[in-house]
């Protein structure tokens, strides 16, 4: 091809961006080396050079989608907040990200339920596990805080974390169906209802 030469990382990024756009508009099955190469303005051979196969390309695309999943949950500025305030901030940020990035959530679900799910599901499940683990410390701290189980005798931090993640995962399905109707404030009000009243 006679176009300008791109540095390797830039070329990889262009390939993955093209693959993402095709996956988003036409589904994972439409992500082929030829289609991606055309969209990225390179030769199909370069797609294979960087990713070896269609499965390699899809694995790399999945990695991009999963990378950064925990960024907002591990923000160092959260440490200054009281446990329930920290938990609410974490959930708020996640709900806002769902609305903003619902297309990426849709592609992630496509990976999870694809015909070749066995290639991707373990990696996605591991990421979901890390996501739950990111909520566990703050939920355990919130439940263990002085006077905490005023509203939920016997509710553990692990139970609270599981509930919070289920709320976010349910919202993610809604984000795919119709992101405009996600009511973050109503969901956060539900979370606040679990919060013990100050004595």
C-alpha atoms as a PDB file:
ATOM      1  CA  UNK A   1       0.000   0.000   0.000  1.00  0.00           C
ATOM      2  CA  UNK A   2       1.274   3.447  -0.852  1.00  0.00           C
ATOM      3  CA  UNK A   3      -0.047   5.320   2.229  1.00  0.00           C
ATOM      4  CA  UNK A   4       2.089   6.736   5.015  1.00  0.00           C
ATOM      5  CA  UNK A   5       3.702   4.232   7.371  1.00  0.00           C
ATOM      6  CA  UNK A   6       2.294   4.159  10.890  1.00  0.00           C
ATOM      7  CA  UNK A   7       4.219   3.265  14.027  1.00  0.00           C
ATOM      8  CA  UNK A   8       3.298  -0.247  15.178  1.00  0.00           C
ATOM      9  CA  UNK A   9       1.282   0.780  18.261  1.00  0.00           C
ATOM     10  CA  UNK A  10      -0.632   3.337  16.231  1.00  0.00           C
ATOM     11  CA  UNK A  11      -1.372   0.690  13.613  1.00  0.00           C
ATOM     12  CA  UNK A  12      -2.577  -1.774  16.276  1.00  0.00           C
ATOM     13  CA  UNK A  13      -4.818   0.918  17.750  1.00  0.00           C
ATOM     14  CA  UNK A  14      -6.251   1.689  14.301  1.00  0.00           C
ATOM     15  CA  UNK A  15      -6.946  -2.011  13.710  1.00  0.00           C
ATOM     16  CA  UNK A  16      -8.684  -2.390  17.074  1.00  0.00           C
ATOM     17  CA  UNK A  17     -10.717   0.789  16.541  1.00  0.00           C
ATOM     18  CA  UNK A  18     -11.873  -0.515  13.167  1.00  0.00           C
ATOM     19  CA  UNK A  19     -12.697  -3.928  14.685  1.00  0.00           C
ATOM     20  CA  UNK A  20     -14.696  -2.255  17.456  1.00  0.00           C
ATOM     21  CA  UNK A  21     -16.731  -0.180  14.995  1.00  0.00           C
ATOM     22  CA  UNK A  22     -17.516  -3.234  12.873  1.00  0.00           C
ATOM     23  CA  UNK A  23     -18.445  -5.302  15.954  1.00  0.00           C
ATOM     24  CA  UNK A  24     -20.677  -2.497  17.153  1.00  0.00           C
ATOM     25  CA  UNK A  25     -22.534  -1.942  13.885  1.00  0.00           C
ATOM     26  CA  UNK A  26     -22.575  -5.450  12.409  1.00  0.00           C
ATOM     27  CA  UNK A  27     -21.700  -7.915  15.157  1.00  0.00           C
ATOM     28  CA  UNK A  28     -18.654  -9.996  16.020  1.00  0.00           C
ATOM     29  CA  UNK A  29     -19.060 -12.356  13.062  1.00  0.00           C
ATOM     30  CA  UNK A  30     -18.491  -9.409  10.707  1.00  0.00           C
ATOM     31  CA  UNK A  31     -15.056  -8.745  12.230  1.00  0.00           C
ATOM     32  CA  UNK A  32     -12.810 -10.289   9.574  1.00  0.00           C
ATOM     33  CA  UNK A  33      -9.231  -9.405   8.661  1.00  0.00           C
ATOM     34  CA  UNK A  34     -10.323  -8.131   5.261  1.00  0.00           C
ATOM     35  CA  UNK A  35     -13.151  -5.942   6.632  1.00  0.00           C
ATOM     36  CA  UNK A  36     -10.975  -4.568   9.425  1.00  0.00           C
ATOM     37  CA  UNK A  37      -8.059  -3.915   7.081  1.00  0.00           C
ATOM     38  CA  UNK A  38     -10.285  -2.014   4.671  1.00  0.00           C
ATOM     39  CA  UNK A  39     -11.730   0.085   7.489  1.00  0.00           C
ATOM     40  CA  UNK A  40      -8.258   0.772   8.913  1.00  0.00           C
ATOM     41  CA  UNK A  41      -6.773   1.550   5.497  1.00  0.00           C
ATOM     42  CA  UNK A  42      -4.117  -1.182   5.628  1.00  0.00           C
ATOM     43  CA  UNK A  43      -3.515  -4.582   4.047  1.00  0.00           C
ATOM     44  CA  UNK A  44      -5.145  -7.718   5.525  1.00  0.00           C
ATOM     45  CA  UNK A  45      -1.644  -9.147   5.962  1.00  0.00           C
ATOM     46  CA  UNK A  46      -0.891  -6.490   8.569  1.00  0.00           C
ATOM     47  CA  UNK A  47      -3.931  -7.537  10.594  1.00  0.00           C
ATOM     48  CA  UNK A  48      -2.574 -11.098  10.642  1.00  0.00           C
ATOM     49  CA  UNK A  49       0.942  -9.828  11.344  1.00  0.00           C
ATOM     50  CA  UNK A  50      -0.231  -8.102  14.516  1.00  0.00           C
ATOM     51  CA  UNK A  51      -2.951 -10.502  15.694  1.00  0.00           C
ATOM     52  CA  UNK A  52      -2.183 -13.843  13.941  1.00  0.00           C
ATOM     53  CA  UNK A  53      -5.855 -14.799  13.444  1.00  0.00           C
ATOM     54  CA  UNK A  54      -9.427 -13.575  13.728  1.00  0.00           C
ATOM     55  CA  UNK A  55      -9.581 -15.120  17.208  1.00  0.00           C
ATOM     56  CA  UNK A  56      -6.396 -13.278  18.156  1.00  0.00           C
ATOM     57  CA  UNK A  57      -7.922 -10.031  16.942  1.00  0.00           C
ATOM     58  CA  UNK A  58     -11.128 -10.652  18.885  1.00  0.00           C
ATOM     59  CA  UNK A  59      -9.154 -11.548  22.028  1.00  0.00           C
ATOM     60  CA  UNK A  60      -7.249  -8.264  21.712  1.00  0.00           C
ATOM     61  CA  UNK A  61     -10.495  -6.342  21.230  1.00  0.00           C
ATOM     62  CA  UNK A  62     -11.960  -8.008  24.317  1.00  0.00           C
ATOM     63  CA  UNK A  63      -8.849  -7.064  26.306  1.00  0.00           C
ATOM     64  CA  UNK A  64      -9.340  -3.409  25.317  1.00  0.00           C
ATOM     65  CA  UNK A  65     -12.963  -3.545  26.467  1.00  0.00           C
ATOM     66  CA  UNK A  66     -12.018  -5.112  29.800  1.00  0.00           C
ATOM     67  CA  UNK A  67      -9.011  -2.857  30.445  1.00  0.00           C
ATOM     68  CA  UNK A  68      -9.920   0.139  32.513  1.00  0.00           C
ATOM     69  CA  UNK A  69     -13.016  -1.536  33.956  1.00  0.00           C
ATOM     70  CA  UNK A  70     -11.681  -1.016  37.475  1.00  0.00           C
ATOM     71  CA  UNK A  71     -10.128   2.436  36.969  1.00  0.00           C
ATOM     72  CA  UNK A  72     -12.991   4.384  38.521  1.00  0.00           C
ATOM     73  CA  UNK A  73     -13.301   1.929  41.403  1.00  0.00           C
ATOM     74  CA  UNK A  74      -9.661   2.242  42.403  1.00  0.00           C
ATOM     75  CA  UNK A  75      -9.408   6.049  42.194  1.00  0.00           C
ATOM     76  CA  UNK A  76      -7.145   7.077  45.126  1.00  0.00           C
ATOM     77  CA  UNK A  77      -9.344  10.121  45.907  1.00  0.00           C
ATOM     78  CA  UNK A  78     -12.077   7.737  47.107  1.00  0.00           C
ATOM     79  CA  UNK A  79     -10.025   6.786  50.171  1.00  0.00           C
ATOM     80  CA  UNK A  80     -10.815  10.121  51.834  1.00  0.00           C
ATOM     81  CA  UNK A  81     -14.564   9.394  51.904  1.00  0.00           C
ATOM     82  CA  UNK A  82     -16.505   7.612  54.639  1.00  0.00           C
ATOM     83  CA  UNK A  83     -17.440   4.043  53.603  1.00  0.00           C
ATOM     84  CA  UNK A  84     -21.082   4.654  52.607  1.00  0.00           C
ATOM     85  CA  UNK A  85     -20.166   7.894  50.811  1.00  0.00           C
ATOM     86  CA  UNK A  86     -17.371   6.066  48.990  1.00  0.00           C
ATOM     87  CA  UNK A  87     -19.723   3.257  47.986  1.00  0.00           C
ATOM     88  CA  UNK A  88     -22.314   5.708  46.681  1.00  0.00           C
ATOM     89  CA  UNK A  89     -19.655   7.598  44.682  1.00  0.00           C
ATOM     90  CA  UNK A  90     -18.380   4.334  43.177  1.00  0.00           C
ATOM     91  CA  UNK A  91     -21.874   3.273  42.129  1.00  0.00           C
ATOM     92  CA  UNK A  92     -22.683   6.746  40.756  1.00  0.00           C
ATOM     93  CA  UNK A  93     -19.544   6.749  38.592  1.00  0.00           C
ATOM     94  CA  UNK A  94     -20.301   3.261  37.297  1.00  0.00           C
ATOM     95  CA  UNK A  95     -23.875   4.198  36.387  1.00  0.00           C
ATOM     96  CA  UNK A  96     -22.689   7.332  34.594  1.00  0.00           C
ATOM     97  CA  UNK A  97     -20.107   5.282  32.686  1.00  0.00           C
ATOM     98  CA  UNK A  98     -22.806   2.799  31.629  1.00  0.00           C
ATOM     99  CA  UNK A  99     -24.831   5.533  29.988  1.00  0.00           C
ATOM    100  CA  UNK A 100     -21.775   7.149  28.403  1.00  0.00           C
ATOM    101  CA  UNK A 101     -20.225   3.897  27.186  1.00  0.00           C
ATOM    102  CA  UNK A 102     -23.303   1.736  26.571  1.00  0.00           C
ATOM    103  CA  UNK A 103     -21.991   0.789  23.120  1.00  0.00           C
ATOM    104  CA  UNK A 104     -18.939  -0.846  24.681  1.00  0.00           C
ATOM    105  CA  UNK A 105     -21.188  -2.687  27.141  1.00  0.00           C
ATOM    106  CA  UNK A 106     -23.206  -3.973  24.187  1.00  0.00           C
ATOM    107  CA  UNK A 107     -20.087  -5.328  22.477  1.00  0.00           C
ATOM    108  CA  UNK A 108     -18.976  -6.932  25.763  1.00  0.00           C
ATOM    109  CA  UNK A 109     -22.324  -8.715  26.042  1.00  0.00           C
ATOM    110  CA  UNK A 110     -21.939  -9.821  22.422  1.00  0.00           C
ATOM    111  CA  UNK A 111     -18.647 -11.480  23.387  1.00  0.00           C
ATOM    112  CA  UNK A 112     -20.253 -13.155  26.377  1.00  0.00           C
ATOM    113  CA  UNK A 113     -23.114 -14.613  24.357  1.00  0.00           C
ATOM    114  CA  UNK A 114     -21.303 -15.223  21.063  1.00  0.00           C
ATOM    115  CA  UNK A 115     -21.244 -18.561  19.250  1.00  0.00           C
ATOM    116  CA  UNK A 116     -17.601 -18.826  20.286  1.00  0.00           C
ATOM    117  CA  UNK A 117     -18.236 -17.854  23.906  1.00  0.00           C
ATOM    118  CA  UNK A 118     -15.872 -20.589  25.120  1.00  0.00           C
ATOM    119  CA  UNK A 119     -12.989 -18.507  23.720  1.00  0.00           C
ATOM    120  CA  UNK A 120     -13.990 -15.451  25.732  1.00  0.00           C
ATOM    121  CA  UNK A 121     -16.163 -16.387  28.685  1.00  0.00           C
ATOM    122  CA  UNK A 122     -13.404 -17.376  31.135  1.00  0.00           C
ATOM    123  CA  UNK A 123     -11.692 -14.053  30.609  1.00  0.00           C
ATOM    124  CA  UNK A 124     -14.944 -12.141  31.054  1.00  0.00           C
ATOM    125  CA  UNK A 125     -15.863 -14.141  34.161  1.00  0.00           C
ATOM    126  CA  UNK A 126     -12.435 -13.407  35.652  1.00  0.00           C
ATOM    127  CA  UNK A 127     -12.999  -9.706  34.975  1.00  0.00           C
ATOM    128  CA  UNK A 128     -16.439  -9.872  36.616  1.00  0.00           C
ATOM    129  CA  UNK A 129     -14.790 -11.517  39.614  1.00  0.00           C
ATOM    130  CA  UNK A 130     -12.258  -8.680  39.881  1.00  0.00           C
ATOM    131  CA  UNK A 131     -15.121  -6.203  39.596  1.00  0.00           C
ATOM    132  CA  UNK A 132     -16.904  -7.779  42.575  1.00  0.00           C
ATOM    133  CA  UNK A 133     -13.619  -7.867  44.511  1.00  0.00           C
ATOM    134  CA  UNK A 134     -13.221  -4.110  43.928  1.00  0.00           C
ATOM    135  CA  UNK A 135     -16.479  -3.523  45.822  1.00  0.00           C
ATOM    136  CA  UNK A 136     -15.839  -5.977  48.659  1.00  0.00           C
ATOM    137  CA  UNK A 137     -13.529  -3.828  50.840  1.00  0.00           C
ATOM    138  CA  UNK A 138     -15.796  -0.777  50.917  1.00  0.00           C
ATOM    139  CA  UNK A 139     -18.926  -2.899  51.424  1.00  0.00           C
ATOM    140  CA  UNK A 140     -17.308  -4.801  54.284  1.00  0.00           C
ATOM    141  CA  UNK A 141     -16.192  -1.519  55.791  1.00  0.00           C
ATOM    142  CA  UNK A 142     -19.674   0.002  55.386  1.00  0.00           C
ATOM    143  CA  UNK A 143     -21.380  -2.942  57.061  1.00  0.00           C
ATOM    144  CA  UNK A 144     -18.758  -3.063  59.788  1.00  0.00           C
ATOM    145  CA  UNK A 145     -19.001   0.668  60.521  1.00  0.00           C
ATOM    146  CA  UNK A 146     -20.331   1.698  63.905  1.00  0.00           C
ATOM    147  CA  UNK A 147     -24.071   1.205  64.104  1.00  0.00           C
ATOM    148  CA  UNK A 148     -24.148  -0.237  60.619  1.00  0.00           C
ATOM    149  CA  UNK A 149     -26.590  -3.064  60.321  1.00  0.00           C
ATOM    150  CA  UNK A 150     -29.451  -0.936  61.650  1.00  0.00           C
ATOM    151  CA  UNK A 151     -31.504  -1.818  58.582  1.00  0.00           C
ATOM    152  CA  UNK A 152     -30.250  -5.244  57.711  1.00  0.00           C
ATOM    153  CA  UNK A 153     -29.419  -7.498  60.593  1.00  0.00           C
ATOM    154  CA  UNK A 154     -27.299 -10.347  59.335  1.00  0.00           C
ATOM    155  CA  UNK A 155     -26.386  -8.647  56.022  1.00  0.00           C
ATOM    156  CA  UNK A 156     -22.690  -9.099  55.406  1.00  0.00           C
ATOM    157  CA  UNK A 157     -20.347  -6.889  53.438  1.00  0.00           C
ATOM    158  CA  UNK A 158     -20.161  -9.663  50.851  1.00  0.00           C
ATOM    159  CA  UNK A 159     -23.973  -9.658  50.554  1.00  0.00           C
ATOM    160  CA  UNK A 160     -23.948  -5.895  50.074  1.00  0.00           C
ATOM    161  CA  UNK A 161     -21.220  -6.120  47.408  1.00  0.00           C
ATOM    162  CA  UNK A 162     -23.143  -8.815  45.531  1.00  0.00           C
ATOM    163  CA  UNK A 163     -26.290  -6.661  45.645  1.00  0.00           C
ATOM    164  CA  UNK A 164     -24.446  -3.568  44.409  1.00  0.00           C
ATOM    165  CA  UNK A 165     -22.855  -5.454  41.516  1.00  0.00           C
ATOM    166  CA  UNK A 166     -26.227  -7.009  40.607  1.00  0.00           C
ATOM    167  CA  UNK A 167     -27.740  -3.500  40.550  1.00  0.00           C
ATOM    168  CA  UNK A 168     -25.007  -2.261  38.199  1.00  0.00           C
ATOM    169  CA  UNK A 169     -25.226  -5.350  35.972  1.00  0.00           C
ATOM    170  CA  UNK A 170     -29.004  -4.921  35.725  1.00  0.00           C
ATOM    171  CA  UNK A 171     -28.469  -1.287  34.783  1.00  0.00           C
ATOM    172  CA  UNK A 172     -25.988  -2.401  32.127  1.00  0.00           C
ATOM    173  CA  UNK A 173     -28.676  -4.491  30.449  1.00  0.00           C
ATOM    174  CA  UNK A 174     -30.972  -1.469  30.566  1.00  0.00           C
ATOM    175  CA  UNK A 175     -28.163   0.643  29.066  1.00  0.00           C
ATOM    176  CA  UNK A 176     -28.135  -1.673  26.054  1.00  0.00           C
ATOM    177  CA  UNK A 177     -31.921  -1.690  25.708  1.00  0.00           C
ATOM    178  CA  UNK A 178     -32.484   2.028  26.214  1.00  0.00           C
ATOM    179  CA  UNK A 179     -29.800   4.150  27.890  1.00  0.00           C
ATOM    180  CA  UNK A 180     -32.093   7.183  27.990  1.00  0.00           C
ATOM    181  CA  UNK A 181     -34.348   5.610  30.616  1.00  0.00           C
ATOM    182  CA  UNK A 182     -31.651   4.739  33.155  1.00  0.00           C
ATOM    183  CA  UNK A 183     -32.513   6.714  36.267  1.00  0.00           C
ATOM    184  CA  UNK A 184     -29.259   6.888  38.207  1.00  0.00           C
ATOM    185  CA  UNK A 185     -30.819   8.917  40.996  1.00  0.00           C
ATOM    186  CA  UNK A 186     -33.556   6.331  41.583  1.00  0.00           C
ATOM    187  CA  UNK A 187     -30.980   3.549  41.713  1.00  0.00           C
ATOM    188  CA  UNK A 188     -28.816   5.547  44.109  1.00  0.00           C
ATOM    189  CA  UNK A 189     -31.876   6.257  46.277  1.00  0.00           C
ATOM    190  CA  UNK A 190     -32.365   2.494  46.517  1.00  0.00           C
ATOM    191  CA  UNK A 191     -28.771   2.117  47.670  1.00  0.00           C
ATOM    192  CA  UNK A 192     -29.250   4.931  50.204  1.00  0.00           C
ATOM    193  CA  UNK A 193     -32.258   3.083  51.614  1.00  0.00           C
ATOM    194  CA  UNK A 194     -29.870   0.332  52.718  1.00  0.00           C
ATOM    195  CA  UNK A 195     -27.702   2.831  54.529  1.00  0.00           C
ATOM    196  CA  UNK A 196     -28.226   2.851  58.296  1.00  0.00           C
ATOM    197  CA  UNK A 197     -29.693   5.981  59.819  1.00  0.00           C
ATOM    198  CA  UNK A 198     -27.414   7.968  62.051  1.00  0.00           C
ATOM    199  CA  UNK A 199     -28.130   7.247  65.695  1.00  0.00           C
END
